[in-house]
C-alpha atoms as a PDB file:
ATOM      1  CA  UNK A   1     -36.259  45.444 -49.186  1.00  0.00           C
ATOM      2  CA  UNK A   2     -35.928  42.723 -46.089  1.00  0.00           C
ATOM      3  CA  UNK A   3     -33.385  40.589 -45.204  1.00  0.00           C
ATOM      4  CA  UNK A   4     -34.262  37.614 -46.995  1.00  0.00           C
ATOM      5  CA  UNK A   5     -33.617  39.761 -50.263  1.00  0.00           C
ATOM      6  CA  UNK A   6     -30.415  40.803 -49.075  1.00  0.00           C
ATOM      7  CA  UNK A   7     -29.005  37.392 -48.090  1.00  0.00           C
ATOM      8  CA  UNK A   8     -30.331  36.533 -52.113  1.00  0.00           C
ATOM      9  CA  UNK A   9     -28.227  39.296 -53.498  1.00  0.00           C
ATOM     10  CA  UNK A  10     -25.340  38.378 -51.463  1.00  0.00           C
ATOM     11  CA  UNK A  11     -25.404  34.886 -52.149  1.00  0.00           C
ATOM     12  CA  UNK A  12     -25.467  36.013 -55.905  1.00  0.00           C
ATOM     13  CA  UNK A  13     -22.758  38.246 -55.909  1.00  0.00           C
ATOM     14  CA  UNK A  14     -20.807  35.986 -53.822  1.00  0.00           C
ATOM     15  CA  UNK A  15     -21.084  33.136 -56.356  1.00  0.00           C
ATOM     16  CA  UNK A  16     -20.255  35.057 -59.221  1.00  0.00           C
ATOM     17  CA  UNK A  17     -17.100  36.814 -57.129  1.00  0.00           C
ATOM     18  CA  UNK A  18     -15.686  33.077 -56.506  1.00  0.00           C
ATOM     19  CA  UNK A  19     -16.173  31.972 -59.732  1.00  0.00           C
ATOM     20  CA  UNK A  20     -14.052  34.598 -60.953  1.00  0.00           C
ATOM     21  CA  UNK A  21     -11.332  33.810 -58.589  1.00  0.00           C
ATOM     22  CA  UNK A  22     -11.486  30.407 -59.356  1.00  0.00           C
ATOM     23  CA  UNK A  23     -10.962  31.057 -62.924  1.00  0.00           C
ATOM     24  CA  UNK A  24      -8.448  33.227 -62.403  1.00  0.00           C
ATOM     25  CA  UNK A  25      -6.435  30.656 -60.500  1.00  0.00           C
ATOM     26  CA  UNK A  26      -6.551  28.511 -63.254  1.00  0.00           C
ATOM     27  CA  UNK A  27      -5.458  30.528 -65.855  1.00  0.00           C
ATOM     28  CA  UNK A  28      -2.504  31.079 -63.223  1.00  0.00           C
ATOM     29  CA  UNK A  29      -1.652  27.576 -63.166  1.00  0.00           C
ATOM     30  CA  UNK A  30      -2.002  27.208 -66.880  1.00  0.00           C
ATOM     31  CA  UNK A  31       0.260  29.971 -67.676  1.00  0.00           C
ATOM     32  CA  UNK A  32       3.154  29.046 -65.114  1.00  0.00           C
ATOM     33  CA  UNK A  33       3.167  25.792 -66.269  1.00  0.00           C
ATOM     34  CA  UNK A  34       3.567  26.538 -69.864  1.00  0.00           C
ATOM     35  CA  UNK A  35       6.298  29.172 -68.726  1.00  0.00           C
ATOM     36  CA  UNK A  36       8.165  26.146 -67.059  1.00  0.00           C
ATOM     37  CA  UNK A  37       8.278  27.828 -63.320  1.00  0.00           C
ATOM     38  CA  UNK A  38       6.738  24.616 -62.046  1.00  0.00           C
ATOM     39  CA  UNK A  39       5.329  20.797 -63.297  1.00  0.00           C
ATOM     40  CA  UNK A  40       2.105  20.360 -61.326  1.00  0.00           C
ATOM     41  CA  UNK A  41       1.913  17.276 -63.292  1.00  0.00           C
ATOM     42  CA  UNK A  42       4.523  15.644 -61.076  1.00  0.00           C
ATOM     43  CA  UNK A  43       3.492  16.910 -58.006  1.00  0.00           C
ATOM     44  CA  UNK A  44      -0.150  15.544 -58.325  1.00  0.00           C
ATOM     45  CA  UNK A  45       1.604  12.161 -58.739  1.00  0.00           C
ATOM     46  CA  UNK A  46       3.342  12.562 -55.559  1.00  0.00           C
ATOM     47  CA  UNK A  47       0.190  10.509 -53.851  1.00  0.00           C
ATOM     48  CA  UNK A  48       0.172   8.034 -56.562  1.00  0.00           C
ATOM     49  CA  UNK A  49       4.137   7.216 -56.341  1.00  0.00           C
ATOM     50  CA  UNK A  50       4.745   6.934 -52.596  1.00  0.00           C
ATOM     51  CA  UNK A  51       7.261   4.523 -51.950  1.00  0.00           C
ATOM     52  CA  UNK A  52      10.689   4.764 -49.908  1.00  0.00           C
ATOM     53  CA  UNK A  53      12.475   4.143 -53.000  1.00  0.00           C
ATOM     54  CA  UNK A  54      11.119   6.811 -55.112  1.00  0.00           C
ATOM     55  CA  UNK A  55      13.104   9.627 -56.342  1.00  0.00           C
ATOM     56  CA  UNK A  56      12.340  13.274 -54.911  1.00  0.00           C
ATOM     57  CA  UNK A  57      10.401  15.418 -56.895  1.00  0.00           C
ATOM     58  CA  UNK A  58      12.330  18.787 -56.129  1.00  0.00           C
ATOM     59  CA  UNK A  59      15.728  18.382 -55.084  1.00  0.00           C
ATOM     60  CA  UNK A  60      16.134  21.691 -52.833  1.00  0.00           C
ATOM     61  CA  UNK A  61      20.013  21.208 -52.489  1.00  0.00           C
ATOM     62  CA  UNK A  62      20.419  21.334 -56.289  1.00  0.00           C
ATOM     63  CA  UNK A  63      17.816  23.895 -56.591  1.00  0.00           C
ATOM     64  CA  UNK A  64      19.855  26.069 -54.315  1.00  0.00           C
ATOM     65  CA  UNK A  65      23.088  25.945 -55.574  1.00  0.00           C
ATOM     66  CA  UNK A  66      21.751  26.925 -59.204  1.00  0.00           C
ATOM     67  CA  UNK A  67      19.797  29.575 -57.483  1.00  0.00           C
ATOM     68  CA  UNK A  68      23.466  30.992 -56.043  1.00  0.00           C
ATOM     69  CA  UNK A  69      24.954  30.764 -59.510  1.00  0.00           C
ATOM     70  CA  UNK A  70      22.698  32.582 -61.131  1.00  0.00           C
ATOM     71  CA  UNK A  71      22.751  35.280 -58.627  1.00  0.00           C
ATOM     72  CA  UNK A  72      26.529  36.145 -58.939  1.00  0.00           C
END
């Protein structure tokens, strides 16, 4: 077995590994959006709606107040 053959096997298995990781990440994004944890569609529109008078996507002060009340 020479180095070219090892490189071929390594390339094949690395491609398979990266495909599995990609599909796992896609499933993770889909499940988190279905659960309502994040709305990736809103986050994707940041580049399209980039004006000075646009409303923020996430209001960090309101989110922190809600989290404090949930933890009580």
